[in-house]
Amino acid sequence: MIFVILVECFHCLIPPIIELKNNNNVSKLRIME
């Protein structure tokens, strides 16, 4: 039961983290230009 809750939490956490990384990459590219 606890494991299922952890998996649900991961699904909520992972997309924002990926978006943050993408945003950082975009801003770095813009600075490079």
C-alpha atoms as a PDB file:
ATOM      1  CA  MET A   1       0.000   0.000   0.000  1.00  0.00           C
ATOM      2  CA  ILE A   2       2.785   2.432   0.924  1.00  0.00           C
ATOM      3  CA  PHE A   3       4.648   1.464  -2.240  1.00  0.00           C
ATOM      4  CA  VAL A   4       1.662   2.434  -4.405  1.00  0.00           C
ATOM      5  CA  ILE A   5       1.537   5.855  -2.734  1.00  0.00           C
ATOM      6  CA  LEU A   6       5.263   6.328  -3.406  1.00  0.00           C
ATOM      7  CA  VAL A   7       4.811   5.471  -7.075  1.00  0.00           C
ATOM      8  CA  GLU A   8       1.957   7.970  -7.348  1.00  0.00           C
ATOM      9  CA  CYS A   9       4.160  10.631  -5.759  1.00  0.00           C
ATOM     10  CA  PHE A  10       6.911   9.914  -8.280  1.00  0.00           C
ATOM     11  CA  HIS A  11       4.487  10.373 -11.149  1.00  0.00           C
ATOM     12  CA  CYS A  12       3.605  13.778  -9.717  1.00  0.00           C
ATOM     13  CA  LEU A  13       7.233  14.792  -9.106  1.00  0.00           C
ATOM     14  CA  ILE A  14       8.979  13.635 -12.257  1.00  0.00           C
ATOM     15  CA  PRO A  15       7.227  15.840 -14.871  1.00  0.00           C
ATOM     16  CA  PRO A  16       8.007  19.135 -13.048  1.00  0.00           C
ATOM     17  CA  ILE A  17      11.649  18.074 -12.667  1.00  0.00           C
ATOM     18  CA  ILE A  18      11.880  17.312 -16.394  1.00  0.00           C
ATOM     19  CA  GLU A  19      10.260  20.655 -17.205  1.00  0.00           C
ATOM     20  CA  LEU A  20      12.761  22.450 -14.981  1.00  0.00           C
ATOM     21  CA  LYS A  21      15.660  20.779 -16.772  1.00  0.00           C
ATOM     22  CA  ASN A  22      14.188  21.699 -20.156  1.00  0.00           C
ATOM     23  CA  ASN A  23      13.694  25.302 -19.061  1.00  0.00           C
ATOM     24  CA  ASN A  24      17.300  25.487 -17.880  1.00  0.00           C
ATOM     25  CA  ASN A  25      18.525  24.150 -21.208  1.00  0.00           C
ATOM     26  CA  VAL A  26      16.442  26.668 -23.140  1.00  0.00           C
ATOM     27  CA  SER A  27      17.695  29.601 -21.086  1.00  0.00           C
ATOM     28  CA  LYS A  28      21.304  28.417 -21.491  1.00  0.00           C
ATOM     29  CA  LEU A  29      20.836  28.184 -25.260  1.00  0.00           C
ATOM     30  CA  ARG A  30      19.442  31.706 -25.368  1.00  0.00           C
ATOM     31  CA  ILE A  31      22.366  33.022 -23.354  1.00  0.00           C
ATOM     32  CA  MET A  32      24.797  31.276 -25.709  1.00  0.00           C
ATOM     33  CA  GLU A  33      23.232  33.101 -28.667  1.00  0.00           C
END
